Amino acid sequence: MRPKFWSHFALSELNHSEWEALCDGCGSCCLIKYIDEDENGDVDEELVEYTDVTCQLMDCATGYCQHYATRQEHVPDCIQLTMDNLPNMMWLPSHCAYKRLYKGQNLPSWHLLLTQDAVVTQQQMRAANVGVAGRCVSETGMSDEEMETRVVNWVQV
């Protein structure tokens, strides 16, 4: 990866490794969410509601996908974040590096690319109330009705 690539290159100029390195691994994008679109297909980010229910592939203890590299083979509708669909995904959390860089903001101070220390990053993410580890449940066996009762306010859009 190129040194400080996130501050020297546009998102569209990043290679695959650099793009992947932007992910902080919070798991918030894997939470089931309620997204209302208007008649034009536009989303008001303020109206997006996150639940604490995750995709079946999430390990809720660690907050990491159990099959990240092959997730779309297991869950065909898993969203693959790309430069092309990022503009339509502003419902991502406010700390998300992709969203922040797209909006011309800096990486969060705790991001691994800045700290270069995974333990420090994890501690600072917990302190900032970021991440699903230890506070999510799997969608497996859960009814739609039960999911609707699990809306949370700890994901900030």
C-alpha atoms as a PDB file:
ATOM      1  CA  MET A   1       0.000   0.000   0.000  1.00  0.00           C
ATOM      2  CA  ARG A   2       1.128   3.497  -0.730  1.00  0.00           C
ATOM      3  CA  PRO A   3       2.029   5.650   2.296  1.00  0.00           C
ATOM      4  CA  LYS A   4      -0.923   7.705   3.568  1.00  0.00           C
ATOM      5  CA  PHE A   5      -2.856   6.748   0.438  1.00  0.00           C
ATOM      6  CA  TRP A   6      -6.141   7.923   1.992  1.00  0.00           C
ATOM      7  CA  SER A   7      -4.939  11.516   2.077  1.00  0.00           C
ATOM      8  CA  HIS A   8      -3.069  11.558  -1.246  1.00  0.00           C
ATOM      9  CA  PHE A   9      -5.467   9.794  -3.613  1.00  0.00           C
ATOM     10  CA  ALA A  10      -9.150   9.940  -4.463  1.00  0.00           C
ATOM     11  CA  LEU A  11     -11.216   6.906  -3.481  1.00  0.00           C
ATOM     12  CA  SER A  12     -11.548   6.042  -7.167  1.00  0.00           C
ATOM     13  CA  GLU A  13      -7.737   5.839  -7.449  1.00  0.00           C
ATOM     14  CA  LEU A  14      -7.243   3.260  -4.692  1.00  0.00           C
ATOM     15  CA  ASN A  15      -6.165  -0.270  -5.424  1.00  0.00           C
ATOM     16  CA  HIS A  16      -7.998  -3.252  -3.912  1.00  0.00           C
ATOM     17  CA  SER A  17      -5.718  -3.537  -0.854  1.00  0.00           C
ATOM     18  CA  GLU A  18      -6.013   0.152  -0.080  1.00  0.00           C
ATOM     19  CA  TRP A  19      -9.805   0.092  -0.490  1.00  0.00           C
ATOM     20  CA  GLU A  20     -10.085  -2.876   1.882  1.00  0.00           C
ATOM     21  CA  ALA A  21      -7.731  -1.247   4.415  1.00  0.00           C
ATOM     22  CA  LEU A  22     -10.190   1.623   4.829  1.00  0.00           C
ATOM     23  CA  CYS A  23     -12.688  -0.701   6.514  1.00  0.00           C
ATOM     24  CA  ASP A  24     -12.387  -0.388  10.282  1.00  0.00           C
ATOM     25  CA  GLY A  25     -14.158  -3.710  10.824  1.00  0.00           C
ATOM     26  CA  CYS A  26     -16.905  -2.239  13.000  1.00  0.00           C
ATOM     27  CA  GLY A  27     -19.530  -4.522  11.441  1.00  0.00           C
ATOM     28  CA  SER A  28     -22.241  -1.843  11.408  1.00  0.00           C
ATOM     29  CA  CYS A  29     -22.899  -2.309   7.707  1.00  0.00           C
ATOM     30  CA  CYS A  30     -23.783  -5.948   8.483  1.00  0.00           C
ATOM     31  CA  LEU A  31     -26.579  -4.959  10.855  1.00  0.00           C
ATOM     32  CA  ILE A  32     -30.140  -5.320   9.615  1.00  0.00           C
ATOM     33  CA  LYS A  33     -31.502  -1.860   9.046  1.00  0.00           C
ATOM     34  CA  TYR A  34     -34.730  -0.240   7.959  1.00  0.00           C
ATOM     35  CA  ILE A  35     -34.157   2.130   5.058  1.00  0.00           C
ATOM     36  CA  ASP A  36     -37.069   4.085   3.634  1.00  0.00           C
ATOM     37  CA  GLU A  37     -36.751   5.422   0.123  1.00  0.00           C
ATOM     38  CA  ASP A  38     -38.908   8.135  -1.389  1.00  0.00           C
ATOM     39  CA  GLU A  39     -40.565   7.778  -4.792  1.00  0.00           C
ATOM     40  CA  ASN A  40     -37.268   8.759  -6.483  1.00  0.00           C
ATOM     41  CA  GLY A  41     -35.328   6.101  -4.611  1.00  0.00           C
ATOM     42  CA  ASP A  42     -33.577   8.678  -2.419  1.00  0.00           C
ATOM     43  CA  VAL A  43     -32.837   7.880   1.215  1.00  0.00           C
ATOM     44  CA  ASP A  44     -33.033  10.355   4.087  1.00  0.00           C
ATOM     45  CA  GLU A  45     -30.136   9.156   6.251  1.00  0.00           C
ATOM     46  CA  GLU A  46     -31.773  10.632   9.341  1.00  0.00           C
ATOM     47  CA  LEU A  47     -34.643   8.159   8.978  1.00  0.00           C
ATOM     48  CA  VAL A  48     -32.505   5.019   8.722  1.00  0.00           C
ATOM     49  CA  GLU A  49     -33.008   2.719  11.701  1.00  0.00           C
ATOM     50  CA  TYR A  50     -30.356   0.177  12.662  1.00  0.00           C
ATOM     51  CA  THR A  51     -31.134  -2.948  14.647  1.00  0.00           C
ATOM     52  CA  ASP A  52     -28.710  -5.007  16.714  1.00  0.00           C
ATOM     53  CA  VAL A  53     -29.471  -7.987  14.467  1.00  0.00           C
ATOM     54  CA  THR A  54     -26.702  -9.060  12.120  1.00  0.00           C
ATOM     55  CA  CYS A  55     -26.279 -11.162   9.060  1.00  0.00           C
ATOM     56  CA  GLN A  56     -25.987 -14.879   9.718  1.00  0.00           C
ATOM     57  CA  LEU A  57     -22.261 -14.782   8.899  1.00  0.00           C
ATOM     58  CA  MET A  58     -21.353 -12.349  11.678  1.00  0.00           C
ATOM     59  CA  ASP A  59     -19.512 -13.664  14.702  1.00  0.00           C
ATOM     60  CA  CYS A  60     -21.193 -11.528  17.335  1.00  0.00           C
ATOM     61  CA  ALA A  61     -18.448 -12.172  19.896  1.00  0.00           C
ATOM     62  CA  THR A  62     -15.659 -10.785  17.702  1.00  0.00           C
ATOM     63  CA  GLY A  63     -17.697  -8.517  15.414  1.00  0.00           C
ATOM     64  CA  TYR A  64     -16.136 -10.009  12.286  1.00  0.00           C
ATOM     65  CA  CYS A  65     -17.652 -11.815   9.317  1.00  0.00           C
ATOM     66  CA  GLN A  66     -16.914 -15.526   9.464  1.00  0.00           C
ATOM     67  CA  HIS A  67     -16.592 -15.798   5.661  1.00  0.00           C
ATOM     68  CA  TYR A  68     -15.653 -12.290   4.528  1.00  0.00           C
ATOM     69  CA  ALA A  69     -13.811 -13.290   1.343  1.00  0.00           C
ATOM     70  CA  THR A  70     -16.638 -15.543   0.158  1.00  0.00           C
ATOM     71  CA  ARG A  71     -19.578 -13.821   1.874  1.00  0.00           C
ATOM     72  CA  GLN A  72     -21.579 -13.315  -1.304  1.00  0.00           C
ATOM     73  CA  GLU A  73     -21.493 -17.035  -2.028  1.00  0.00           C
ATOM     74  CA  HIS A  74     -23.186 -17.585   1.349  1.00  0.00           C
ATOM     75  CA  VAL A  75     -25.376 -14.450   1.339  1.00  0.00           C
ATOM     76  CA  PRO A  76     -26.015 -13.399  -2.278  1.00  0.00           C
ATOM     77  CA  ASP A  77     -27.616 -10.075  -1.301  1.00  0.00           C
ATOM     78  CA  CYS A  78     -24.674  -9.031   0.876  1.00  0.00           C
ATOM     79  CA  ILE A  79     -23.758  -5.535  -0.248  1.00  0.00           C
ATOM     80  CA  GLN A  80     -20.331  -5.163  -1.827  1.00  0.00           C
ATOM     81  CA  LEU A  81     -19.302  -1.575  -1.138  1.00  0.00           C
ATOM     82  CA  THR A  82     -17.735  -0.063  -4.250  1.00  0.00           C
ATOM     83  CA  MET A  83     -16.899   3.398  -5.472  1.00  0.00           C
ATOM     84  CA  ASP A  84     -19.905   3.153  -7.788  1.00  0.00           C
ATOM     85  CA  ASN A  85     -22.481   2.431  -5.079  1.00  0.00           C
ATOM     86  CA  LEU A  86     -20.922   4.465  -2.252  1.00  0.00           C
ATOM     87  CA  PRO A  87     -22.819   7.690  -3.149  1.00  0.00           C
ATOM     88  CA  ASN A  88     -26.080   5.802  -2.549  1.00  0.00           C
ATOM     89  CA  MET A  89     -24.928   4.446   0.809  1.00  0.00           C
ATOM     90  CA  MET A  90     -24.789   7.558   2.958  1.00  0.00           C
ATOM     91  CA  TRP A  91     -26.743   5.572   5.538  1.00  0.00           C
ATOM     92  CA  LEU A  92     -23.382   4.133   6.579  1.00  0.00           C
ATOM     93  CA  PRO A  93     -22.315   5.177  10.095  1.00  0.00           C
ATOM     94  CA  SER A  94     -20.763   8.609  10.539  1.00  0.00           C
ATOM     95  CA  HIS A  95     -17.421   7.044  11.550  1.00  0.00           C
ATOM     96  CA  CYS A  96     -17.173   4.960   8.351  1.00  0.00           C
ATOM     97  CA  ALA A  97     -13.916   5.770   6.558  1.00  0.00           C
ATOM     98  CA  TYR A  98     -15.475   5.346   3.117  1.00  0.00           C
ATOM     99  CA  LYS A  99     -18.274   7.788   3.904  1.00  0.00           C
ATOM    100  CA  ARG A 100     -15.945  10.241   5.657  1.00  0.00           C
ATOM    101  CA  LEU A 101     -13.417  10.340   2.799  1.00  0.00           C
ATOM    102  CA  TYR A 102     -16.212  10.597   0.231  1.00  0.00           C
ATOM    103  CA  LYS A 103     -17.492  13.652   2.124  1.00  0.00           C
ATOM    104  CA  GLY A 104     -14.006  15.201   2.345  1.00  0.00           C
ATOM    105  CA  GLN A 105     -13.528  14.416   6.037  1.00  0.00           C
ATOM    106  CA  ASN A 106     -10.548  12.842   7.790  1.00  0.00           C
ATOM    107  CA  LEU A 107     -10.315   9.301   9.095  1.00  0.00           C
ATOM    108  CA  PRO A 108     -11.446   8.922  12.712  1.00  0.00           C
ATOM    109  CA  SER A 109      -8.469   9.366  15.067  1.00  0.00           C
ATOM    110  CA  TRP A 110      -8.715   5.740  16.213  1.00  0.00           C
ATOM    111  CA  HIS A 111      -8.529   4.226  12.713  1.00  0.00           C
ATOM    112  CA  LEU A 112      -5.920   1.467  12.339  1.00  0.00           C
ATOM    113  CA  LEU A 113      -4.290   3.283   9.416  1.00  0.00           C
ATOM    114  CA  LEU A 114      -3.496   6.123  11.828  1.00  0.00           C
ATOM    115  CA  THR A 115      -2.721   4.252  15.059  1.00  0.00           C
ATOM    116  CA  GLN A 116      -0.868   1.353  13.399  1.00  0.00           C
ATOM    117  CA  ASP A 117      -1.815  -0.638  16.506  1.00  0.00           C
ATOM    118  CA  ALA A 118      -4.799  -3.004  16.434  1.00  0.00           C
ATOM    119  CA  VAL A 119      -5.142  -3.131  20.225  1.00  0.00           C
ATOM    120  CA  VAL A 120      -5.159   0.656  20.542  1.00  0.00           C
ATOM    121  CA  THR A 121      -7.650   0.921  17.686  1.00  0.00           C
ATOM    122  CA  GLN A 122      -9.987  -1.627  19.288  1.00  0.00           C
ATOM    123  CA  GLN A 123      -9.777   0.100  22.679  1.00  0.00           C
ATOM    124  CA  GLN A 124     -10.466   3.512  21.166  1.00  0.00           C
ATOM    125  CA  MET A 125     -13.326   2.165  19.045  1.00  0.00           C
ATOM    126  CA  ARG A 126     -14.952   0.724  22.178  1.00  0.00           C
ATOM    127  CA  ALA A 127     -14.421   4.038  23.977  1.00  0.00           C
ATOM    128  CA  ALA A 128     -16.097   5.801  21.027  1.00  0.00           C
ATOM    129  CA  ASN A 129     -19.023   3.331  21.207  1.00  0.00           C
ATOM    130  CA  VAL A 130     -18.213   1.951  17.741  1.00  0.00           C
ATOM    131  CA  GLY A 131     -18.655  -1.654  16.646  1.00  0.00           C
ATOM    132  CA  VAL A 132     -21.013  -4.587  16.946  1.00  0.00           C
ATOM    133  CA  ALA A 133     -18.739  -6.978  18.875  1.00  0.00           C
ATOM    134  CA  GLY A 134     -20.447  -8.200  22.016  1.00  0.00           C
ATOM    135  CA  ARG A 135     -23.714  -6.393  21.364  1.00  0.00           C
ATOM    136  CA  CYS A 136     -25.373  -8.010  18.402  1.00  0.00           C
ATOM    137  CA  VAL A 137     -27.470 -11.103  17.732  1.00  0.00           C
ATOM    138  CA  SER A 138     -27.730 -13.252  14.623  1.00  0.00           C
ATOM    139  CA  GLU A 139     -30.689 -13.074  12.296  1.00  0.00           C
ATOM    140  CA  THR A 140     -30.794 -16.879  12.269  1.00  0.00           C
ATOM    141  CA  GLY A 141     -34.178 -18.038  13.493  1.00  0.00           C
ATOM    142  CA  MET A 142     -35.458 -14.530  14.169  1.00  0.00           C
ATOM    143  CA  SER A 143     -38.851 -13.433  12.886  1.00  0.00           C
ATOM    144  CA  ASP A 144     -39.416 -10.134  11.089  1.00  0.00           C
ATOM    145  CA  GLU A 145     -41.676  -9.076  13.942  1.00  0.00           C
ATOM    146  CA  GLU A 146     -38.976  -9.705  16.533  1.00  0.00           C
ATOM    147  CA  MET A 147     -36.407  -7.867  14.412  1.00  0.00           C
ATOM    148  CA  GLU A 148     -38.621  -4.791  14.384  1.00  0.00           C
ATOM    149  CA  THR A 149     -38.377  -4.620  18.187  1.00  0.00           C
ATOM    150  CA  ARG A 150     -34.574  -4.548  18.116  1.00  0.00           C
ATOM    151  CA  VAL A 151     -33.936  -1.014  16.790  1.00  0.00           C
ATOM    152  CA  VAL A 152     -30.896   0.558  18.488  1.00  0.00           C
ATOM    153  CA  ASN A 153     -29.555   4.095  18.725  1.00  0.00           C
ATOM    154  CA  TRP A 154     -25.850   3.352  19.136  1.00  0.00           C
ATOM    155  CA  VAL A 155     -25.115   3.558  15.397  1.00  0.00           C
ATOM    156  CA  GLN A 156     -24.806   7.207  14.438  1.00  0.00           C
ATOM    157  CA  VAL A 157     -25.527   8.059  10.811  1.00  0.00           C
END
